[in-house]
Amino acid sequence: MSAGIFKVIGKFNDQDGYPLTGSDYEVALLDEDRYFDDKLGVATLSPEGEAEFLVTVADIVSIDSAGETTPDLYFVVRKDGKEIFRSEVFAEVDFQEKDPVTGRAKGLTKAFGPYRVAVQ
């Protein structure tokens, strides 16, 4: 894996399909590991219901995942500090995926969602 910076975008809607927004929400991006999950970042939601994260290789590698090149990503949404949603785990996300024609990296940005989040 290169020493680059990668972007992860998560899109979240409420139960009616409208973008989830507001300062009382925060989204965490995590990397599932064997013993301890790595918190890769926390973001607020844009007016479009998107949370964006910049991730480096150093963020992905930890003691219980030495040499990891493809993280197992998932999102947690909190409202006023309380978890209200947890996504499925996306195993072995490959940021170094190459375009078969050009040979250039095409996976530097990964987008997930939209997810429907039940809001009380």
N, C-alpha and C. Protein backbone atom coordinates (compact mmCIF):
# COMPACT_ATOMS: atom_id res chain seq x y z
N MET A 1 0.85 -1.18 0.00
CA MET A 1 0.00 0.00 0.00
C MET A 1 0.89 1.23 0.00
N SER A 2 0.52 2.23 -0.74
CA SER A 2 1.31 3.45 -0.79
C SER A 2 1.15 4.25 0.49
N ALA A 3 1.88 5.32 0.60
CA ALA A 3 1.79 6.18 1.78
C ALA A 3 0.79 7.29 1.54
N GLY A 4 -0.19 7.07 0.66
CA GLY A 4 -1.13 8.11 0.26
C GLY A 4 -2.22 8.38 1.26
N ILE A 5 -3.06 9.32 0.86
CA ILE A 5 -4.25 9.68 1.62
C ILE A 5 -5.45 9.23 0.81
N PHE A 6 -6.41 8.65 1.50
CA PHE A 6 -7.60 8.12 0.86
C PHE A 6 -8.83 8.79 1.44
N LYS A 7 -9.89 8.86 0.66
CA LYS A 7 -11.13 9.49 1.11
C LYS A 7 -12.23 8.44 1.21
N VAL A 8 -12.98 8.50 2.32
CA VAL A 8 -14.14 7.64 2.52
C VAL A 8 -15.34 8.55 2.73
N ILE A 9 -16.42 8.27 2.02
CA ILE A 9 -17.65 9.05 2.13
C ILE A 9 -18.78 8.10 2.52
N GLY A 10 -19.52 8.48 3.54
CA GLY A 10 -20.72 7.74 3.93
C GLY A 10 -21.92 8.65 3.77
N LYS A 11 -23.00 8.15 3.19
CA LYS A 11 -24.22 8.94 2.99
C LYS A 11 -25.32 8.34 3.84
N PHE A 12 -26.05 9.22 4.56
CA PHE A 12 -27.05 8.78 5.51
C PHE A 12 -28.35 9.55 5.32
N ASN A 13 -29.46 8.80 5.29
CA ASN A 13 -30.79 9.38 5.17
C ASN A 13 -31.60 8.99 6.40
N ASP A 14 -32.67 9.76 6.65
CA ASP A 14 -33.59 9.37 7.71
C ASP A 14 -34.52 8.28 7.19
N GLN A 15 -35.44 7.83 8.02
CA GLN A 15 -36.32 6.72 7.63
C GLN A 15 -37.24 7.08 6.47
N ASP A 16 -37.42 8.39 6.19
CA ASP A 16 -38.26 8.81 5.07
C ASP A 16 -37.47 9.06 3.79
N GLY A 17 -36.14 8.86 3.85
CA GLY A 17 -35.31 9.02 2.67
C GLY A 17 -34.70 10.40 2.50
N TYR A 18 -34.91 11.29 3.46
CA TYR A 18 -34.32 12.63 3.40
C TYR A 18 -32.93 12.61 4.02
N PRO A 19 -32.03 13.47 3.55
CA PRO A 19 -30.67 13.50 4.11
C PRO A 19 -30.70 13.73 5.62
N LEU A 20 -29.91 12.96 6.33
CA LEU A 20 -29.77 13.11 7.77
C LEU A 20 -28.82 14.27 8.03
N THR A 21 -29.27 15.28 8.74
CA THR A 21 -28.44 16.46 9.01
C THR A 21 -28.69 16.93 10.43
N GLY A 22 -27.83 17.81 10.88
CA GLY A 22 -28.00 18.43 12.18
C GLY A 22 -26.76 18.29 13.02
N SER A 23 -26.55 19.27 13.89
CA SER A 23 -25.34 19.29 14.72
C SER A 23 -25.39 18.27 15.84
N ASP A 24 -26.54 17.65 16.09
CA ASP A 24 -26.62 16.64 17.15
C ASP A 24 -26.21 15.25 16.67
N TYR A 25 -25.82 15.13 15.38
CA TYR A 25 -25.35 13.85 14.83
C TYR A 25 -23.85 13.90 14.60
N GLU A 26 -23.19 12.76 14.82
CA GLU A 26 -21.80 12.59 14.42
C GLU A 26 -21.65 11.17 13.88
N VAL A 27 -20.72 11.03 12.95
CA VAL A 27 -20.46 9.73 12.32
C VAL A 27 -19.01 9.36 12.57
N ALA A 28 -18.79 8.15 13.02
CA ALA A 28 -17.43 7.63 13.21
C ALA A 28 -17.16 6.58 12.14
N LEU A 29 -15.94 6.58 11.62
CA LEU A 29 -15.47 5.56 10.69
C LEU A 29 -14.48 4.70 11.45
N LEU A 30 -14.70 3.38 11.42
CA LEU A 30 -13.84 2.46 12.14
C LEU A 30 -13.33 1.35 11.25
N ASP A 31 -12.19 0.79 11.65
CA ASP A 31 -11.58 -0.36 10.98
C ASP A 31 -11.67 -1.53 11.94
N GLU A 32 -12.44 -2.55 11.57
CA GLU A 32 -12.60 -3.72 12.43
C GLU A 32 -11.32 -4.55 12.41
N ASP A 33 -10.79 -4.80 13.60
CA ASP A 33 -9.60 -5.63 13.75
C ASP A 33 -9.90 -6.74 14.74
N ARG A 34 -8.97 -7.67 14.86
CA ARG A 34 -9.17 -8.85 15.69
C ARG A 34 -9.48 -8.51 17.15
N TYR A 35 -8.69 -7.62 17.75
CA TYR A 35 -8.86 -7.33 19.18
C TYR A 35 -9.44 -5.96 19.46
N PHE A 36 -8.93 -4.94 18.77
CA PHE A 36 -9.38 -3.57 19.00
C PHE A 36 -9.64 -2.90 17.67
N ASP A 37 -10.84 -2.35 17.52
CA ASP A 37 -11.16 -1.63 16.29
C ASP A 37 -10.49 -0.26 16.32
N ASP A 38 -9.97 0.16 15.17
CA ASP A 38 -9.29 1.45 15.05
C ASP A 38 -10.29 2.52 14.65
N LYS A 39 -10.34 3.61 15.40
CA LYS A 39 -11.18 4.75 15.02
C LYS A 39 -10.39 5.56 14.02
N LEU A 40 -10.91 5.66 12.80
CA LEU A 40 -10.22 6.35 11.72
C LEU A 40 -10.63 7.81 11.62
N GLY A 41 -11.72 8.18 12.26
CA GLY A 41 -12.15 9.57 12.23
C GLY A 41 -13.58 9.74 12.67
N VAL A 42 -13.90 10.99 12.98
CA VAL A 42 -15.27 11.38 13.33
C VAL A 42 -15.61 12.60 12.51
N ALA A 43 -16.82 12.63 11.96
CA ALA A 43 -17.24 13.74 11.11
C ALA A 43 -18.68 14.13 11.41
N THR A 44 -19.01 15.36 11.07
CA THR A 44 -20.39 15.80 11.11
C THR A 44 -21.01 15.56 9.74
N LEU A 45 -22.30 15.74 9.65
CA LEU A 45 -23.01 15.49 8.39
C LEU A 45 -23.20 16.80 7.61
N SER A 46 -22.98 16.72 6.32
CA SER A 46 -23.21 17.87 5.43
C SER A 46 -24.72 18.02 5.23
N PRO A 47 -25.16 19.12 4.60
CA PRO A 47 -26.59 19.27 4.30
C PRO A 47 -27.13 18.16 3.39
N GLU A 48 -26.23 17.46 2.68
CA GLU A 48 -26.65 16.34 1.82
C GLU A 48 -26.65 15.02 2.57
N GLY A 49 -26.34 15.05 3.88
CA GLY A 49 -26.33 13.82 4.67
C GLY A 49 -25.05 13.01 4.51
N GLU A 50 -23.97 13.65 4.10
CA GLU A 50 -22.71 12.94 3.87
C GLU A 50 -21.69 13.27 4.95
N ALA A 51 -20.92 12.24 5.31
CA ALA A 51 -19.78 12.38 6.21
C ALA A 51 -18.54 11.99 5.41
N GLU A 52 -17.52 12.84 5.44
CA GLU A 52 -16.29 12.58 4.68
C GLU A 52 -15.12 12.41 5.63
N PHE A 53 -14.25 11.45 5.29
CA PHE A 53 -13.09 11.13 6.11
C PHE A 53 -11.86 11.04 5.22
N LEU A 54 -10.75 11.58 5.67
CA LEU A 54 -9.45 11.38 5.02
C LEU A 54 -8.68 10.38 5.87
N VAL A 55 -8.21 9.32 5.24
CA VAL A 55 -7.56 8.21 5.94
C VAL A 55 -6.18 8.01 5.35
N THR A 56 -5.19 7.79 6.21
CA THR A 56 -3.84 7.49 5.75
C THR A 56 -3.50 6.04 6.08
N VAL A 57 -2.44 5.55 5.49
CA VAL A 57 -1.98 4.20 5.77
C VAL A 57 -1.67 4.05 7.25
N ALA A 58 -1.07 5.08 7.85
CA ALA A 58 -0.74 5.03 9.28
C ALA A 58 -1.98 4.85 10.14
N ASP A 59 -3.13 5.38 9.69
CA ASP A 59 -4.38 5.22 10.44
C ASP A 59 -4.84 3.77 10.44
N ILE A 60 -4.56 3.05 9.36
CA ILE A 60 -5.07 1.69 9.17
C ILE A 60 -4.24 0.65 9.91
N VAL A 61 -2.93 0.86 9.97
CA VAL A 61 -2.03 -0.12 10.58
C VAL A 61 -2.03 0.07 12.10
N SER A 62 -2.20 -1.03 12.84
CA SER A 62 -2.15 -0.98 14.29
C SER A 62 -1.47 -2.24 14.81
N ILE A 63 -1.31 -2.32 16.12
CA ILE A 63 -0.60 -3.45 16.73
C ILE A 63 -1.25 -4.78 16.37
N ASP A 64 -2.57 -4.85 16.39
CA ASP A 64 -3.24 -6.12 16.10
C ASP A 64 -3.55 -6.31 14.63
N SER A 65 -3.03 -5.40 13.77
CA SER A 65 -3.21 -5.58 12.33
C SER A 65 -1.97 -5.10 11.57
N ALA A 66 -0.81 -5.47 12.08
CA ALA A 66 0.44 -5.06 11.45
C ALA A 66 0.48 -5.54 10.00
N GLY A 67 0.87 -4.66 9.11
CA GLY A 67 0.96 -5.01 7.70
C GLY A 67 -0.36 -4.98 6.95
N GLU A 68 -1.41 -4.56 7.61
CA GLU A 68 -2.73 -4.52 6.95
C GLU A 68 -2.70 -3.52 5.80
N THR A 69 -3.25 -3.93 4.67
CA THR A 69 -3.33 -3.03 3.52
C THR A 69 -4.76 -2.80 3.05
N THR A 70 -5.68 -3.63 3.52
CA THR A 70 -7.08 -3.49 3.12
C THR A 70 -7.95 -3.53 4.39
N PRO A 71 -8.36 -2.36 4.88
CA PRO A 71 -9.12 -2.31 6.13
C PRO A 71 -10.53 -2.86 5.97
N ASP A 72 -11.10 -3.24 7.10
CA ASP A 72 -12.49 -3.70 7.19
C ASP A 72 -13.29 -2.56 7.81
N LEU A 73 -13.94 -1.76 6.96
CA LEU A 73 -14.55 -0.51 7.39
C LEU A 73 -16.01 -0.65 7.79
N TYR A 74 -16.41 0.17 8.77
CA TYR A 74 -17.82 0.32 9.11
C TYR A 74 -18.06 1.69 9.73
N PHE A 75 -19.32 2.11 9.74
CA PHE A 75 -19.73 3.41 10.25
C PHE A 75 -20.59 3.25 11.50
N VAL A 76 -20.47 4.20 12.41
CA VAL A 76 -21.35 4.29 13.58
C VAL A 76 -21.90 5.72 13.60
N VAL A 77 -23.24 5.85 13.68
CA VAL A 77 -23.88 7.16 13.78
C VAL A 77 -24.35 7.33 15.21
N ARG A 78 -24.03 8.50 15.78
CA ARG A 78 -24.47 8.82 17.14
C ARG A 78 -25.30 10.10 17.09
N LYS A 79 -26.34 10.11 17.92
CA LYS A 79 -27.14 11.32 18.10
C LYS A 79 -27.02 11.71 19.57
N ASP A 80 -26.56 12.92 19.81
CA ASP A 80 -26.33 13.39 21.18
C ASP A 80 -25.49 12.39 21.98
N GLY A 81 -24.50 11.78 21.31
CA GLY A 81 -23.57 10.86 21.97
C GLY A 81 -24.04 9.43 22.07
N LYS A 82 -25.28 9.13 21.69
CA LYS A 82 -25.83 7.78 21.80
C LYS A 82 -25.85 7.11 20.42
N GLU A 83 -25.32 5.88 20.35
CA GLU A 83 -25.30 5.16 19.08
C GLU A 83 -26.72 4.83 18.64
N ILE A 84 -27.03 5.22 17.37
CA ILE A 84 -28.36 4.93 16.83
C ILE A 84 -28.28 4.09 15.56
N PHE A 85 -27.07 3.90 15.02
CA PHE A 85 -26.93 3.12 13.79
C PHE A 85 -25.50 2.60 13.69
N ARG A 86 -25.38 1.36 13.20
CA ARG A 86 -24.08 0.75 12.91
C ARG A 86 -24.23 0.02 11.57
N SER A 87 -23.36 0.35 10.63
CA SER A 87 -23.44 -0.27 9.30
C SER A 87 -22.85 -1.68 9.33
N GLU A 88 -23.06 -2.38 8.25
CA GLU A 88 -22.37 -3.65 8.08
C GLU A 88 -20.88 -3.36 7.90
N VAL A 89 -20.05 -4.38 8.03
CA VAL A 89 -18.61 -4.24 7.86
C VAL A 89 -18.26 -4.52 6.40
N PHE A 90 -17.52 -3.62 5.80
CA PHE A 90 -17.05 -3.80 4.43
C PHE A 90 -15.65 -4.37 4.51
N ALA A 91 -15.54 -5.66 4.23
CA ALA A 91 -14.27 -6.37 4.39
C ALA A 91 -13.30 -6.05 3.27
N GLU A 92 -12.04 -5.92 3.66
CA GLU A 92 -10.93 -5.81 2.70
C GLU A 92 -11.12 -4.71 1.66
N VAL A 93 -11.41 -3.49 2.12
CA VAL A 93 -11.57 -2.36 1.21
C VAL A 93 -10.21 -2.03 0.59
N ASP A 94 -10.15 -2.06 -0.73
CA ASP A 94 -8.88 -1.91 -1.45
C ASP A 94 -8.78 -0.51 -2.05
N PHE A 95 -8.00 0.36 -1.40
CA PHE A 95 -7.80 1.71 -1.91
C PHE A 95 -6.79 1.74 -3.05
N GLN A 96 -6.05 0.66 -3.25
CA GLN A 96 -5.01 0.62 -4.28
C GLN A 96 -5.47 -0.08 -5.55
N GLU A 97 -6.77 -0.32 -5.66
CA GLU A 97 -7.32 -0.97 -6.84
C GLU A 97 -6.90 -0.21 -8.10
N LYS A 98 -6.46 -0.94 -9.10
CA LYS A 98 -5.97 -0.34 -10.35
C LYS A 98 -6.99 -0.50 -11.48
N ASP A 99 -7.07 0.51 -12.31
CA ASP A 99 -7.89 0.44 -13.50
C ASP A 99 -7.22 -0.56 -14.45
N PRO A 100 -7.95 -1.56 -14.95
CA PRO A 100 -7.33 -2.58 -15.79
C PRO A 100 -6.82 -2.05 -17.12
N VAL A 101 -7.34 -0.93 -17.59
CA VAL A 101 -6.91 -0.37 -18.87
C VAL A 101 -5.72 0.57 -18.69
N THR A 102 -5.85 1.53 -17.76
CA THR A 102 -4.80 2.55 -17.61
C THR A 102 -3.71 2.14 -16.63
N GLY A 103 -4.04 1.24 -15.70
CA GLY A 103 -3.07 0.86 -14.68
C GLY A 103 -2.95 1.86 -13.56
N ARG A 104 -3.76 2.92 -13.59
CA ARG A 104 -3.73 3.94 -12.55
C ARG A 104 -4.65 3.55 -11.40
N ALA A 105 -4.30 4.04 -10.21
CA ALA A 105 -5.15 3.79 -9.04
C ALA A 105 -6.50 4.43 -9.27
N LYS A 106 -7.56 3.65 -9.03
CA LYS A 106 -8.91 4.21 -9.21
C LYS A 106 -9.72 4.15 -7.93
N GLY A 107 -9.13 3.62 -6.87
CA GLY A 107 -9.88 3.43 -5.64
C GLY A 107 -9.53 4.39 -4.54
N LEU A 108 -8.98 5.57 -4.85
CA LEU A 108 -8.55 6.49 -3.81
C LEU A 108 -9.71 7.10 -3.04
N THR A 109 -10.91 7.08 -3.63
CA THR A 109 -12.12 7.52 -2.93
C THR A 109 -13.12 6.37 -2.95
N LYS A 110 -13.67 6.06 -1.78
CA LYS A 110 -14.69 5.03 -1.68
C LYS A 110 -15.94 5.65 -1.06
N ALA A 111 -17.09 5.42 -1.68
CA ALA A 111 -18.36 5.94 -1.19
C ALA A 111 -19.27 4.78 -0.79
N PHE A 112 -19.97 4.96 0.32
CA PHE A 112 -20.86 3.93 0.85
C PHE A 112 -22.22 4.56 1.16
N GLY A 113 -23.26 3.77 0.97
CA GLY A 113 -24.60 4.26 1.29
C GLY A 113 -25.37 4.57 0.02
N PRO A 114 -26.52 5.18 0.15
CA PRO A 114 -27.06 5.77 1.37
C PRO A 114 -27.64 4.72 2.32
N TYR A 115 -27.53 5.02 3.59
CA TYR A 115 -28.10 4.19 4.65
C TYR A 115 -29.32 4.87 5.20
N ARG A 116 -30.31 4.09 5.56
CA ARG A 116 -31.50 4.62 6.23
C ARG A 116 -31.30 4.47 7.73
N VAL A 117 -31.38 5.59 8.44
CA VAL A 117 -31.18 5.62 9.87
C VAL A 117 -32.49 5.98 10.53
N ALA A 118 -32.97 5.12 11.42
CA ALA A 118 -34.21 5.40 12.15
C ALA A 118 -33.93 6.48 13.20
N VAL A 119 -34.68 7.55 13.09
CA VAL A 119 -34.50 8.69 13.99
C VAL A 119 -35.75 8.80 14.87
N GLN A 120 -35.52 8.91 16.18
CA GLN A 120 -36.64 9.02 17.11
C GLN A 120 -37.02 10.46 17.31
